[in-house]
Amino acid sequence: MPKGAYEKELQRLQIELVSMQQWVIESGARVVVIFEGRDAAGKGGAIKRIMQYLNPRAARVVALPTPSEREKGQWYFQRYIERMPTHGEIVLMDRSWYNRAGVEKVMGYCTPEQYRRFLDQVPTVERMLVDDGIILVKYWFSVSDAVQEQRFRSRLNDPMRRWKLSETDVLSISKWEDYSRAKDAMFEATDNAHAPWWTIESDDKRASRINTISHLLSQIPYEPREPEEVSIPDRPEADDYDRPDKALYRYVPDRAATVAG
């Protein structure tokens, strides 16, 4: 997707996202958006563009680390359920309970019994969320093997993105077929009418972001909201108060001036 067309449409969609969020806040809606897919498929970039201008008091990203020993002893869904939204809130899940159907299954981090139990329970859990009024949207980001490897290699020598490349990520290359089988089995068990999967082709990052945001907006039954009018008052005339001398305060060194010079 050409950069100019992408930036223009992204700006329009981000304005709509702000309007949508205002409706969520005013209506008390609860929204959960799940982002799943192959490693390096572009989930993080899409989440970043969605969150960029939203009010962080009413929208948050949930990206859980490896479960603690205590969490390992809980019902599998427990630590995710704790992060569900309250009234007027949007939650974007950067990976979710579907870790069990993907990386845990492929890498042997869960037992076959735990895996089977998960596939049995997850449709019921999601039905409960939807029946309680939560708007649940599930996205699967699909990327080709060639593009995935290209993105992995681009991270190797990038100090700002090197953290994205873990041993588990790299193994997804050699276990490509295993992940494909796991994904197909997951879809067969969890692609339901009350909580369907939506697939996003993401070899083109710009196009995938536009498609994701556009579709997400179509899934929220929001009504456009105009921001309340705000009147900025005139600044009053200064009185005879004398401010303390600036030399009394500590200021951050002007590194910007040094770089510019």
C-alpha atoms as a PDB file:
ATOM      1  CA  MET A   1       0.000   0.000   0.000  1.00  0.00           C
ATOM      2  CA  PRO A   2       1.499   3.393  -0.955  1.00  0.00           C
ATOM      3  CA  LYS A   3       2.686   5.393   2.055  1.00  0.00           C
ATOM      4  CA  GLY A   4       0.696   8.515   1.177  1.00  0.00           C
ATOM      5  CA  ALA A   5      -2.610   6.668   0.797  1.00  0.00           C
ATOM      6  CA  TYR A   6      -1.872   4.700   3.962  1.00  0.00           C
ATOM      7  CA  GLU A   7      -1.171   7.749   6.112  1.00  0.00           C
ATOM      8  CA  LYS A   8      -4.255   9.592   4.855  1.00  0.00           C
ATOM      9  CA  GLU A   9      -6.590   6.671   5.501  1.00  0.00           C
ATOM     10  CA  LEU A  10      -4.935   5.849   8.826  1.00  0.00           C
ATOM     11  CA  GLN A  11      -5.579   9.392  10.052  1.00  0.00           C
ATOM     12  CA  ARG A  12      -9.239   9.172   9.037  1.00  0.00           C
ATOM     13  CA  LEU A  13      -9.663   5.817  10.777  1.00  0.00           C
ATOM     14  CA  GLN A  14      -7.901   6.980  13.950  1.00  0.00           C
ATOM     15  CA  ILE A  15     -10.317   9.916  14.154  1.00  0.00           C
ATOM     16  CA  GLU A  16     -13.140   7.381  13.939  1.00  0.00           C
ATOM     17  CA  LEU A  17     -11.520   5.290  16.668  1.00  0.00           C
ATOM     18  CA  VAL A  18     -11.577   8.297  19.003  1.00  0.00           C
ATOM     19  CA  SER A  19     -15.268   8.816  18.215  1.00  0.00           C
ATOM     20  CA  MET A  20     -15.944   5.121  18.760  1.00  0.00           C
ATOM     21  CA  GLN A  21     -14.195   5.174  22.116  1.00  0.00           C
ATOM     22  CA  GLN A  22     -16.267   8.132  23.225  1.00  0.00           C
ATOM     23  CA  TRP A  23     -19.398   6.109  22.471  1.00  0.00           C
ATOM     24  CA  VAL A  24     -17.981   3.155  24.439  1.00  0.00           C
ATOM     25  CA  ILE A  25     -17.352   5.427  27.429  1.00  0.00           C
ATOM     26  CA  GLU A  26     -20.773   7.109  27.301  1.00  0.00           C
ATOM     27  CA  SER A  27     -22.740   3.915  26.632  1.00  0.00           C
ATOM     28  CA  GLY A  28     -20.869   1.781  29.162  1.00  0.00           C
ATOM     29  CA  ALA A  29     -20.022  -0.824  26.533  1.00  0.00           C
ATOM     30  CA  ARG A  30     -17.297  -3.397  27.160  1.00  0.00           C
ATOM     31  CA  VAL A  31     -15.030  -4.348  24.276  1.00  0.00           C
ATOM     32  CA  VAL A  32     -12.421  -7.122  24.060  1.00  0.00           C
ATOM     33  CA  VAL A  33     -10.282  -7.494  20.932  1.00  0.00           C
ATOM     34  CA  ILE A  34      -8.015 -10.541  20.653  1.00  0.00           C
ATOM     35  CA  PHE A  35      -4.910 -10.359  18.460  1.00  0.00           C
ATOM     36  CA  GLU A  36      -3.418 -13.732  17.553  1.00  0.00           C
ATOM     37  CA  GLY A  37      -1.309 -15.032  14.692  1.00  0.00           C
ATOM     38  CA  ARG A  38       2.126 -16.099  13.592  1.00  0.00           C
ATOM     39  CA  ASP A  39       5.210 -14.529  15.158  1.00  0.00           C
ATOM     40  CA  ALA A  40       6.193 -11.339  13.278  1.00  0.00           C
ATOM     41  CA  ALA A  41       2.769 -11.177  11.649  1.00  0.00           C
ATOM     42  CA  GLY A  42       2.201  -7.533  12.609  1.00  0.00           C
ATOM     43  CA  LYS A  43      -0.065  -7.788  15.645  1.00  0.00           C
ATOM     44  CA  GLY A  44       1.951  -5.300  17.685  1.00  0.00           C
ATOM     45  CA  GLY A  45       2.005  -2.703  14.926  1.00  0.00           C
ATOM     46  CA  ALA A  46      -1.761  -2.885  14.504  1.00  0.00           C
ATOM     47  CA  ILE A  47      -2.319  -2.553  18.259  1.00  0.00           C
ATOM     48  CA  LYS A  48       0.020   0.436  18.401  1.00  0.00           C
ATOM     49  CA  ARG A  49      -1.920   2.288  15.674  1.00  0.00           C
ATOM     50  CA  ILE A  50      -5.248   1.531  17.337  1.00  0.00           C
ATOM     51  CA  MET A  51      -4.063   2.770  20.730  1.00  0.00           C
ATOM     52  CA  GLN A  52      -2.121   5.791  19.452  1.00  0.00           C
ATOM     53  CA  TYR A  53      -4.772   8.449  20.099  1.00  0.00           C
ATOM     54  CA  LEU A  54      -7.179   6.654  22.414  1.00  0.00           C
ATOM     55  CA  ASN A  55      -7.721   7.781  25.988  1.00  0.00           C
ATOM     56  CA  PRO A  56      -5.533   5.398  28.046  1.00  0.00           C
ATOM     57  CA  ARG A  57      -7.905   5.745  30.996  1.00  0.00           C
ATOM     58  CA  ALA A  58     -10.524   3.791  29.043  1.00  0.00           C
ATOM     59  CA  ALA A  59      -8.386   1.592  26.788  1.00  0.00           C
ATOM     60  CA  ARG A  60      -5.525  -0.715  27.676  1.00  0.00           C
ATOM     61  CA  VAL A  61      -3.358  -3.445  26.206  1.00  0.00           C
ATOM     62  CA  VAL A  62      -3.092  -6.800  27.965  1.00  0.00           C
ATOM     63  CA  ALA A  63       0.103  -8.702  27.138  1.00  0.00           C
ATOM     64  CA  LEU A  64       0.666 -11.253  29.871  1.00  0.00           C
ATOM     65  CA  PRO A  65       4.086 -12.742  30.658  1.00  0.00           C
ATOM     66  CA  THR A  66       4.775 -16.392  31.395  1.00  0.00           C
ATOM     67  CA  PRO A  67       2.460 -17.492  34.220  1.00  0.00           C
ATOM     68  CA  SER A  68       3.849 -17.525  37.749  1.00  0.00           C
ATOM     69  CA  GLU A  69       3.885 -20.671  39.858  1.00  0.00           C
ATOM     70  CA  ARG A  70       0.717 -19.476  41.570  1.00  0.00           C
ATOM     71  CA  GLU A  71      -1.006 -18.813  38.252  1.00  0.00           C
ATOM     72  CA  LYS A  72       0.003 -22.232  36.956  1.00  0.00           C
ATOM     73  CA  GLY A  73      -2.077 -23.712  39.772  1.00  0.00           C
ATOM     74  CA  GLN A  74      -5.194 -21.691  38.869  1.00  0.00           C
ATOM     75  CA  TRP A  75      -7.963 -22.449  36.419  1.00  0.00           C
ATOM     76  CA  TYR A  76      -6.330 -21.712  33.065  1.00  0.00           C
ATOM     77  CA  PHE A  77      -8.652 -18.841  32.127  1.00  0.00           C
ATOM     78  CA  GLN A  78      -8.489 -17.183  35.556  1.00  0.00           C
ATOM     79  CA  ARG A  79      -5.693 -14.687  34.948  1.00  0.00           C
ATOM     80  CA  TYR A  80      -7.299 -13.618  31.681  1.00  0.00           C
ATOM     81  CA  ILE A  81     -10.772 -13.201  33.135  1.00  0.00           C
ATOM     82  CA  GLU A  82      -9.293 -10.877  35.782  1.00  0.00           C
ATOM     83  CA  ARG A  83      -8.288  -8.502  32.986  1.00  0.00           C
ATOM     84  CA  MET A  84     -11.695  -8.236  31.326  1.00  0.00           C
ATOM     85  CA  PRO A  85     -13.026  -4.682  30.822  1.00  0.00           C
ATOM     86  CA  THR A  86     -15.381  -2.809  33.072  1.00  0.00           C
ATOM     87  CA  HIS A  87     -18.135  -0.515  31.797  1.00  0.00           C
ATOM     88  CA  GLY A  88     -16.892   1.971  29.209  1.00  0.00           C
ATOM     89  CA  GLU A  89     -13.576   0.221  28.601  1.00  0.00           C
ATOM     90  CA  ILE A  90     -11.703  -1.324  25.662  1.00  0.00           C
ATOM     91  CA  VAL A  91      -9.182  -4.129  26.185  1.00  0.00           C
ATOM     92  CA  LEU A  92      -6.797  -5.157  23.403  1.00  0.00           C
ATOM     93  CA  MET A  93      -5.232  -8.555  24.071  1.00  0.00           C
ATOM     94  CA  ASP A  94      -1.774  -8.976  22.537  1.00  0.00           C
ATOM     95  CA  ARG A  95      -2.064 -12.749  22.508  1.00  0.00           C
ATOM     96  CA  SER A  96      -4.581 -14.316  24.816  1.00  0.00           C
ATOM     97  CA  TRP A  97      -5.860 -17.586  26.233  1.00  0.00           C
ATOM     98  CA  TYR A  98      -5.185 -19.003  22.762  1.00  0.00           C
ATOM     99  CA  ASN A  99      -1.534 -19.406  23.767  1.00  0.00           C
ATOM    100  CA  ARG A 100      -2.628 -22.848  24.908  1.00  0.00           C
ATOM    101  CA  ALA A 101      -3.833 -23.810  21.448  1.00  0.00           C
ATOM    102  CA  GLY A 102      -0.700 -22.431  19.770  1.00  0.00           C
ATOM    103  CA  VAL A 103       2.725 -22.109  21.335  1.00  0.00           C
ATOM    104  CA  GLU A 104       1.915 -24.253  24.401  1.00  0.00           C
ATOM    105  CA  LYS A 105       0.615 -27.079  22.224  1.00  0.00           C
ATOM    106  CA  VAL A 106       3.457 -26.928  19.682  1.00  0.00           C
ATOM    107  CA  MET A 107       6.287 -26.459  22.193  1.00  0.00           C
ATOM    108  CA  GLY A 108       4.956 -29.021  24.667  1.00  0.00           C
ATOM    109  CA  TYR A 109       4.364 -26.476  27.439  1.00  0.00           C
ATOM    110  CA  CYS A 110       1.018 -28.078  28.298  1.00  0.00           C
ATOM    111  CA  THR A 111      -0.103 -31.678  28.557  1.00  0.00           C
ATOM    112  CA  PRO A 112      -2.373 -33.291  25.940  1.00  0.00           C
ATOM    113  CA  GLU A 113      -5.134 -33.377  28.562  1.00  0.00           C
ATOM    114  CA  GLN A 114      -4.754 -29.647  29.295  1.00  0.00           C
ATOM    115  CA  TYR A 115      -4.880 -28.933  25.569  1.00  0.00           C
ATOM    116  CA  ARG A 116      -8.041 -31.016  25.025  1.00  0.00           C
ATOM    117  CA  ARG A 117      -9.705 -29.438  28.046  1.00  0.00           C
ATOM    118  CA  PHE A 118      -8.923 -25.972  26.724  1.00  0.00           C
ATOM    119  CA  LEU A 119     -10.512 -26.656  23.339  1.00  0.00           C
ATOM    120  CA  ASP A 120     -13.592 -28.034  25.124  1.00  0.00           C
ATOM    121  CA  GLN A 121     -13.927 -25.076  27.494  1.00  0.00           C
ATOM    122  CA  VAL A 122     -13.057 -22.039  25.386  1.00  0.00           C
ATOM    123  CA  PRO A 123     -16.307 -21.923  23.340  1.00  0.00           C
ATOM    124  CA  THR A 124     -18.280 -21.970  26.592  1.00  0.00           C
ATOM    125  CA  VAL A 125     -16.097 -19.279  28.189  1.00  0.00           C
ATOM    126  CA  GLU A 126     -16.488 -17.020  25.163  1.00  0.00           C
ATOM    127  CA  ARG A 127     -20.238 -17.673  25.054  1.00  0.00           C
ATOM    128  CA  MET A 128     -20.446 -16.531  28.678  1.00  0.00           C
ATOM    129  CA  LEU A 129     -18.553 -13.319  27.888  1.00  0.00           C
ATOM    130  CA  VAL A 130     -20.770 -12.531  24.906  1.00  0.00           C
ATOM    131  CA  ASP A 131     -23.970 -13.416  26.757  1.00  0.00           C
ATOM    132  CA  ASP A 132     -22.933 -11.007  29.506  1.00  0.00           C
ATOM    133  CA  GLY A 133     -22.811  -8.199  26.945  1.00  0.00           C
ATOM    134  CA  ILE A 134     -19.092  -8.039  26.117  1.00  0.00           C
ATOM    135  CA  ILE A 135     -18.299  -7.241  22.486  1.00  0.00           C
ATOM    136  CA  LEU A 136     -15.679  -9.873  21.590  1.00  0.00           C
ATOM    137  CA  VAL A 137     -13.670  -9.617  18.364  1.00  0.00           C
ATOM    138  CA  LYS A 138     -10.983 -12.189  17.457  1.00  0.00           C
ATOM    139  CA  TYR A 139      -8.310 -11.520  14.823  1.00  0.00           C
ATOM    140  CA  TRP A 140      -5.821 -13.946  13.329  1.00  0.00           C
ATOM    141  CA  PHE A 141      -2.874 -12.296  11.545  1.00  0.00           C
ATOM    142  CA  SER A 142      -1.656 -14.486   8.704  1.00  0.00           C
ATOM    143  CA  VAL A 143       1.844 -14.057   7.258  1.00  0.00           C
ATOM    144  CA  SER A 144       3.704 -16.111   4.662  1.00  0.00           C
ATOM    145  CA  ASP A 145       6.777 -18.114   5.635  1.00  0.00           C
ATOM    146  CA  ALA A 146       9.048 -16.011   3.403  1.00  0.00           C
ATOM    147  CA  VAL A 147       7.878 -12.698   4.861  1.00  0.00           C
ATOM    148  CA  GLN A 148       8.080 -14.018   8.419  1.00  0.00           C
ATOM    149  CA  GLU A 149      11.705 -15.056   7.931  1.00  0.00           C
ATOM    150  CA  GLN A 150      12.497 -11.707   6.308  1.00  0.00           C
ATOM    151  CA  ARG A 151      11.084  -9.865   9.323  1.00  0.00           C
ATOM    152  CA  PHE A 152      13.004 -12.068  11.739  1.00  0.00           C
ATOM    153  CA  ARG A 153      16.262 -11.328   9.944  1.00  0.00           C
ATOM    154  CA  SER A 154      15.555  -7.586   9.954  1.00  0.00           C
ATOM    155  CA  ARG A 155      15.369  -7.703  13.761  1.00  0.00           C
ATOM    156  CA  LEU A 156      18.753  -9.361  14.241  1.00  0.00           C
ATOM    157  CA  ASN A 157      20.810  -6.183  14.025  1.00  0.00           C
ATOM    158  CA  ASP A 158      18.137  -3.694  15.058  1.00  0.00           C
ATOM    159  CA  PRO A 159      18.851  -2.646  18.678  1.00  0.00           C
ATOM    160  CA  MET A 160      15.315  -1.280  19.084  1.00  0.00           C
ATOM    161  CA  ARG A 161      13.579  -4.466  17.947  1.00  0.00           C
ATOM    162  CA  ARG A 162      16.039  -7.169  18.936  1.00  0.00           C
ATOM    163  CA  TRP A 163      13.959  -7.905  22.045  1.00  0.00           C
ATOM    164  CA  LYS A 164      11.173  -9.103  19.754  1.00  0.00           C
ATOM    165  CA  LEU A 165      13.308 -12.014  18.583  1.00  0.00           C
ATOM    166  CA  SER A 166      13.251 -14.808  21.172  1.00  0.00           C
ATOM    167  CA  GLU A 167      14.342 -18.419  20.910  1.00  0.00           C
ATOM    168  CA  THR A 168      10.692 -19.452  20.725  1.00  0.00           C
ATOM    169  CA  ASP A 169      10.133 -17.026  17.850  1.00  0.00           C
ATOM    170  CA  VAL A 170      13.032 -18.470  15.870  1.00  0.00           C
ATOM    171  CA  LEU A 171      11.756 -22.008  16.419  1.00  0.00           C
ATOM    172  CA  SER A 172       8.529 -21.023  14.680  1.00  0.00           C
ATOM    173  CA  ILE A 173      10.485 -21.267  11.412  1.00  0.00           C
ATOM    174  CA  SER A 174      11.456 -24.911  11.908  1.00  0.00           C
ATOM    175  CA  LYS A 175       8.039 -25.710  13.365  1.00  0.00           C
ATOM    176  CA  TRP A 176       6.035 -23.923  10.660  1.00  0.00           C
ATOM    177  CA  GLU A 177       3.964 -26.993   9.768  1.00  0.00           C
ATOM    178  CA  ASP A 178       3.297 -27.817  13.428  1.00  0.00           C
ATOM    179  CA  TYR A 179       1.946 -24.312  13.975  1.00  0.00           C
ATOM    180  CA  SER A 180      -0.184 -24.640  10.835  1.00  0.00           C
ATOM    181  CA  ARG A 181      -1.781 -27.830  12.146  1.00  0.00           C
ATOM    182  CA  ALA A 182      -2.343 -26.269  15.573  1.00  0.00           C
ATOM    183  CA  LYS A 183      -3.956 -23.187  14.038  1.00  0.00           C
ATOM    184  CA  ASP A 184      -6.276 -25.286  11.855  1.00  0.00           C
ATOM    185  CA  ALA A 185      -7.353 -27.416  14.827  1.00  0.00           C
ATOM    186  CA  MET A 186      -7.930 -24.271  16.897  1.00  0.00           C
ATOM    187  CA  PHE A 187     -10.129 -22.729  14.212  1.00  0.00           C
ATOM    188  CA  GLU A 188     -12.138 -25.912  13.842  1.00  0.00           C
ATOM    189  CA  ALA A 189     -12.896 -25.955  17.571  1.00  0.00           C
ATOM    190  CA  THR A 190     -13.324 -22.233  18.291  1.00  0.00           C
ATOM    191  CA  ASP A 191     -14.602 -20.500  15.138  1.00  0.00           C
ATOM    192  CA  ASN A 192     -18.189 -20.137  16.317  1.00  0.00           C
ATOM    193  CA  ALA A 193     -21.076 -17.903  15.327  1.00  0.00           C
ATOM    194  CA  HIS A 194     -21.029 -16.135  18.706  1.00  0.00           C
ATOM    195  CA  ALA A 195     -17.246 -15.585  18.593  1.00  0.00           C
ATOM    196  CA  PRO A 196     -15.928 -15.990  15.035  1.00  0.00           C
ATOM    197  CA  TRP A 197     -12.336 -15.685  13.897  1.00  0.00           C
ATOM    198  CA  TRP A 198     -11.469 -12.957  11.410  1.00  0.00           C
ATOM    199  CA  THR A 199      -8.329 -13.545   9.331  1.00  0.00           C
ATOM    200  CA  ILE A 200      -6.106 -10.635   8.274  1.00  0.00           C
ATOM    201  CA  GLU A 201      -3.558 -11.118   5.502  1.00  0.00           C
ATOM    202  CA  SER A 202      -0.534  -9.241   6.813  1.00  0.00           C
ATOM    203  CA  ASP A 203       2.353  -9.594   4.372  1.00  0.00           C
ATOM    204  CA  ASP A 204       1.672  -5.904   3.630  1.00  0.00           C
ATOM    205  CA  LYS A 205       1.813  -4.251   7.066  1.00  0.00           C
ATOM    206  CA  ARG A 206       0.215  -0.996   5.953  1.00  0.00           C
ATOM    207  CA  ALA A 207      -2.706  -2.736   4.305  1.00  0.00           C
ATOM    208  CA  SER A 208      -3.221  -5.056   7.274  1.00  0.00           C
ATOM    209  CA  ARG A 209      -3.394  -2.131   9.702  1.00  0.00           C
ATOM    210  CA  ILE A 210      -5.939  -0.303   7.573  1.00  0.00           C
ATOM    211  CA  ASN A 211      -8.015  -3.462   7.150  1.00  0.00           C
ATOM    212  CA  THR A 212      -7.876  -4.252  10.872  1.00  0.00           C
ATOM    213  CA  ILE A 213      -8.990  -0.820  12.057  1.00  0.00           C
ATOM    214  CA  SER A 214     -11.675  -0.523   9.394  1.00  0.00           C
ATOM    215  CA  HIS A 215     -13.111  -3.917  10.288  1.00  0.00           C
ATOM    216  CA  LEU A 216     -12.908  -3.297  14.035  1.00  0.00           C
ATOM    217  CA  LEU A 217     -14.949  -0.117  13.628  1.00  0.00           C
ATOM    218  CA  SER A 218     -17.562  -2.106  11.702  1.00  0.00           C
ATOM    219  CA  GLN A 219     -17.889  -4.546  14.623  1.00  0.00           C
ATOM    220  CA  ILE A 220     -18.727  -1.886  17.222  1.00  0.00           C
ATOM    221  CA  PRO A 221     -22.301  -0.548  17.006  1.00  0.00           C
ATOM    222  CA  TYR A 222     -21.206   2.966  17.880  1.00  0.00           C
ATOM    223  CA  GLU A 223     -22.867   6.243  17.070  1.00  0.00           C
ATOM    224  CA  PRO A 224     -20.532   9.106  16.095  1.00  0.00           C
ATOM    225  CA  ARG A 225     -19.920  11.492  18.972  1.00  0.00           C
ATOM    226  CA  GLU A 226     -18.911  15.105  18.646  1.00  0.00           C
ATOM    227  CA  PRO A 227     -16.544  16.332  21.368  1.00  0.00           C
ATOM    228  CA  GLU A 228     -18.020  18.766  23.848  1.00  0.00           C
ATOM    229  CA  GLU A 229     -17.354  22.387  23.087  1.00  0.00           C
ATOM    230  CA  VAL A 230     -14.568  23.836  25.163  1.00  0.00           C
ATOM    231  CA  SER A 231     -14.146  27.553  25.613  1.00  0.00           C
ATOM    232  CA  ILE A 232     -10.601  28.677  26.306  1.00  0.00           C
ATOM    233  CA  PRO A 233     -10.695  31.784  28.536  1.00  0.00           C
ATOM    234  CA  ASP A 234      -8.555  34.843  28.042  1.00  0.00           C
ATOM    235  CA  ARG A 235      -5.432  34.885  30.140  1.00  0.00           C
ATOM    236  CA  PRO A 236      -5.789  37.443  32.953  1.00  0.00           C
ATOM    237  CA  GLU A 237      -3.353  40.290  33.347  1.00  0.00           C
ATOM    238  CA  ALA A 238      -0.321  39.475  35.480  1.00  0.00           C
ATOM    239  CA  ASP A 239      -0.379  40.833  39.009  1.00  0.00           C
ATOM    240  CA  ASP A 240       2.575  42.018  41.072  1.00  0.00           C
ATOM    241  CA  TYR A 241       3.723  38.516  42.058  1.00  0.00           C
ATOM    242  CA  ASP A 242       7.467  38.026  41.544  1.00  0.00           C
ATOM    243  CA  ARG A 243       8.471  34.517  40.512  1.00  0.00           C
ATOM    244  CA  PRO A 244      11.558  32.941  42.161  1.00  0.00           C
ATOM    245  CA  ASP A 245      14.834  33.209  40.296  1.00  0.00           C
ATOM    246  CA  LYS A 246      15.280  30.373  37.744  1.00  0.00           C
ATOM    247  CA  ALA A 247      18.754  29.755  39.115  1.00  0.00           C
ATOM    248  CA  LEU A 248      17.120  28.190  42.180  1.00  0.00           C
ATOM    249  CA  TYR A 249      15.764  25.249  40.128  1.00  0.00           C
ATOM    250  CA  ARG A 250      17.338  22.225  38.481  1.00  0.00           C
ATOM    251  CA  TYR A 251      16.848  21.974  34.732  1.00  0.00           C
ATOM    252  CA  VAL A 252      17.419  19.020  32.428  1.00  0.00           C
ATOM    253  CA  PRO A 253      20.526  19.627  30.284  1.00  0.00           C
ATOM    254  CA  ASP A 254      19.725  20.869  26.783  1.00  0.00           C
ATOM    255  CA  ARG A 255      20.920  17.848  24.841  1.00  0.00           C
ATOM    256  CA  ALA A 256      18.734  18.856  21.887  1.00  0.00           C
ATOM    257  CA  ALA A 257      20.689  22.078  21.425  1.00  0.00           C
ATOM    258  CA  THR A 258      23.967  20.126  21.411  1.00  0.00           C
ATOM    259  CA  VAL A 259      22.705  17.719  18.756  1.00  0.00           C
ATOM    260  CA  ALA A 260      21.271  20.524  16.636  1.00  0.00           C
ATOM    261  CA  GLY A 261      24.576  22.427  16.880  1.00  0.00           C
END
